N, C-alpha and C. Protein backbone atom coordinates (compact mmCIF):
# COMPACT_ATOMS: atom_id res chain seq x y z
N UNK A 1 -7.82 -3.82 112.43
CA UNK A 1 -7.41 -2.53 112.93
C UNK A 1 -7.69 -1.29 112.21
N UNK A 2 -8.47 -0.21 112.50
CA UNK A 2 -8.87 0.68 111.66
C UNK A 2 -7.87 1.50 111.17
N UNK A 3 -8.31 2.18 110.05
CA UNK A 3 -7.49 3.02 109.12
C UNK A 3 -6.98 4.14 109.79
N UNK A 4 -5.64 4.93 110.05
CA UNK A 4 -5.32 6.05 110.41
C UNK A 4 -5.63 7.12 109.43
N UNK A 5 -6.37 8.15 110.07
CA UNK A 5 -6.78 9.23 109.38
C UNK A 5 -5.83 10.11 109.22
N UNK A 6 -5.43 10.23 107.84
CA UNK A 6 -4.21 11.34 107.39
C UNK A 6 -4.75 12.67 107.19
N UNK A 7 -6.03 12.95 107.17
CA UNK A 7 -6.51 14.22 106.73
C UNK A 7 -6.55 15.09 107.75
N UNK A 8 -7.16 16.42 107.40
CA UNK A 8 -7.19 17.51 108.55
C UNK A 8 -8.48 16.95 109.55
N UNK A 9 -8.32 17.49 110.84
CA UNK A 9 -9.44 17.43 111.68
C UNK A 9 -10.30 18.59 111.39
N UNK A 10 -11.46 18.38 111.74
CA UNK A 10 -12.67 19.48 111.44
C UNK A 10 -12.23 20.74 112.30
N UNK A 11 -12.20 21.71 111.65
CA UNK A 11 -11.95 23.15 112.33
C UNK A 11 -10.33 23.66 112.36
N UNK A 12 -9.77 22.78 111.81
CA UNK A 12 -8.36 22.97 111.44
C UNK A 12 -7.95 23.83 110.18
N UNK A 13 -6.88 24.51 109.90
CA UNK A 13 -6.59 25.18 108.85
C UNK A 13 -5.87 24.37 108.10
N UNK A 14 -6.19 24.66 106.60
CA UNK A 14 -4.94 23.89 105.76
C UNK A 14 -3.74 24.64 105.59
N UNK A 15 -2.67 24.08 105.10
CA UNK A 15 -1.38 24.52 104.95
C UNK A 15 -1.59 25.66 103.65
N UNK A 16 -0.60 26.61 103.76
CA UNK A 16 -0.67 27.45 102.50
C UNK A 16 -0.51 26.66 101.16
N UNK A 17 -0.89 26.96 100.12
CA UNK A 17 -0.52 26.43 98.79
C UNK A 17 -1.06 27.26 97.56
N UNK A 18 -0.56 26.91 96.31
CA UNK A 18 -0.77 27.77 95.17
C UNK A 18 -1.00 26.66 94.11
N UNK A 19 -2.03 26.98 93.40
CA UNK A 19 -2.41 26.16 91.95
C UNK A 19 -2.71 26.95 90.85
N UNK A 20 -2.32 26.32 89.72
CA UNK A 20 -2.42 26.93 88.63
C UNK A 20 -3.95 26.50 88.03
N UNK A 21 -4.35 27.40 87.26
CA UNK A 21 -5.80 27.12 86.62
C UNK A 21 -5.48 26.76 85.21
N UNK A 22 -6.62 26.34 84.55
CA UNK A 22 -6.37 25.67 83.18
C UNK A 22 -5.73 27.21 82.01
N UNK A 23 -6.36 28.25 82.66
CA UNK A 23 -6.17 29.47 81.81
C UNK A 23 -4.68 29.99 82.59
N UNK A 24 -3.89 29.39 83.05
CA UNK A 24 -2.56 29.55 83.64
C UNK A 24 -2.80 30.59 84.64
N UNK A 25 -3.63 31.05 85.38
CA UNK A 25 -3.84 32.00 86.20
C UNK A 25 -3.38 31.45 87.72
N UNK A 26 -2.57 32.00 88.56
CA UNK A 26 -2.30 31.18 89.81
C UNK A 26 -3.15 31.67 90.92
N UNK A 27 -3.64 30.60 91.67
CA UNK A 27 -4.67 30.98 92.69
C UNK A 27 -3.89 30.06 93.97
N UNK A 28 -4.23 30.97 95.07
CA UNK A 28 -3.76 30.34 96.60
C UNK A 28 -4.92 30.39 97.26
N UNK A 29 -4.78 29.45 98.30
CA UNK A 29 -6.08 29.32 99.15
C UNK A 29 -6.44 30.50 99.90
N UNK A 30 -5.17 31.31 100.20
CA UNK A 30 -5.54 32.59 100.82
C UNK A 30 -6.38 33.54 99.96
N UNK A 31 -6.33 33.38 98.64
CA UNK A 31 -7.58 34.16 97.81
C UNK A 31 -8.95 33.74 98.18
N UNK A 32 -9.16 32.89 99.03
CA UNK A 32 -10.39 32.46 99.28
C UNK A 32 -10.74 32.41 100.80
N UNK A 33 -10.09 33.16 101.68
CA UNK A 33 -10.36 33.36 102.92
C UNK A 33 -11.63 33.67 103.18
N UNK A 34 -12.44 33.12 104.27
CA UNK A 34 -13.71 33.44 104.60
C UNK A 34 -14.74 32.95 103.63
N UNK A 35 -14.44 32.17 102.48
CA UNK A 35 -15.60 31.42 101.77
C UNK A 35 -15.00 30.16 101.45
N UNK A 36 -16.05 29.01 101.29
CA UNK A 36 -15.94 27.71 101.34
C UNK A 36 -15.06 27.67 99.97
N UNK A 37 -14.23 26.42 100.05
CA UNK A 37 -13.38 26.27 98.89
C UNK A 37 -13.37 24.67 98.60
N UNK A 38 -13.67 24.25 97.48
CA UNK A 38 -13.78 23.10 97.10
C UNK A 38 -12.67 22.70 95.88
N UNK A 39 -11.73 21.86 95.98
CA UNK A 39 -10.73 21.62 94.99
C UNK A 39 -11.04 20.10 94.39
N UNK A 40 -11.04 19.94 93.31
CA UNK A 40 -11.36 18.87 92.51
C UNK A 40 -10.02 18.59 91.79
N UNK A 41 -9.22 17.55 91.74
CA UNK A 41 -8.28 17.20 90.99
C UNK A 41 -8.86 16.13 89.97
N UNK A 42 -8.56 16.47 88.79
CA UNK A 42 -8.59 15.47 87.61
C UNK A 42 -7.50 14.72 87.27
N UNK A 43 -7.68 13.53 87.02
CA UNK A 43 -6.46 12.58 86.94
C UNK A 43 -6.69 12.38 85.36
N UNK A 44 -5.33 12.45 84.62
CA UNK A 44 -5.22 12.19 83.10
C UNK A 44 -4.56 13.39 82.39
N UNK A 45 -4.72 13.33 80.96
CA UNK A 45 -4.18 14.29 80.35
C UNK A 45 -5.13 14.64 79.48
N UNK A 46 -5.27 15.97 79.04
CA UNK A 46 -6.11 16.67 78.21
C UNK A 46 -5.46 17.21 76.94
């Protein structure tokens, strides 16, 4: 039985969200409208 894809379909929009950077500045996906956006999540503590 194939795995069910839980990701977005190509061409669909992502839901709105906001993340804090390491310098404590808040960024939302709307800040990057019209530009490619890659989000990389690091696991662990620093």
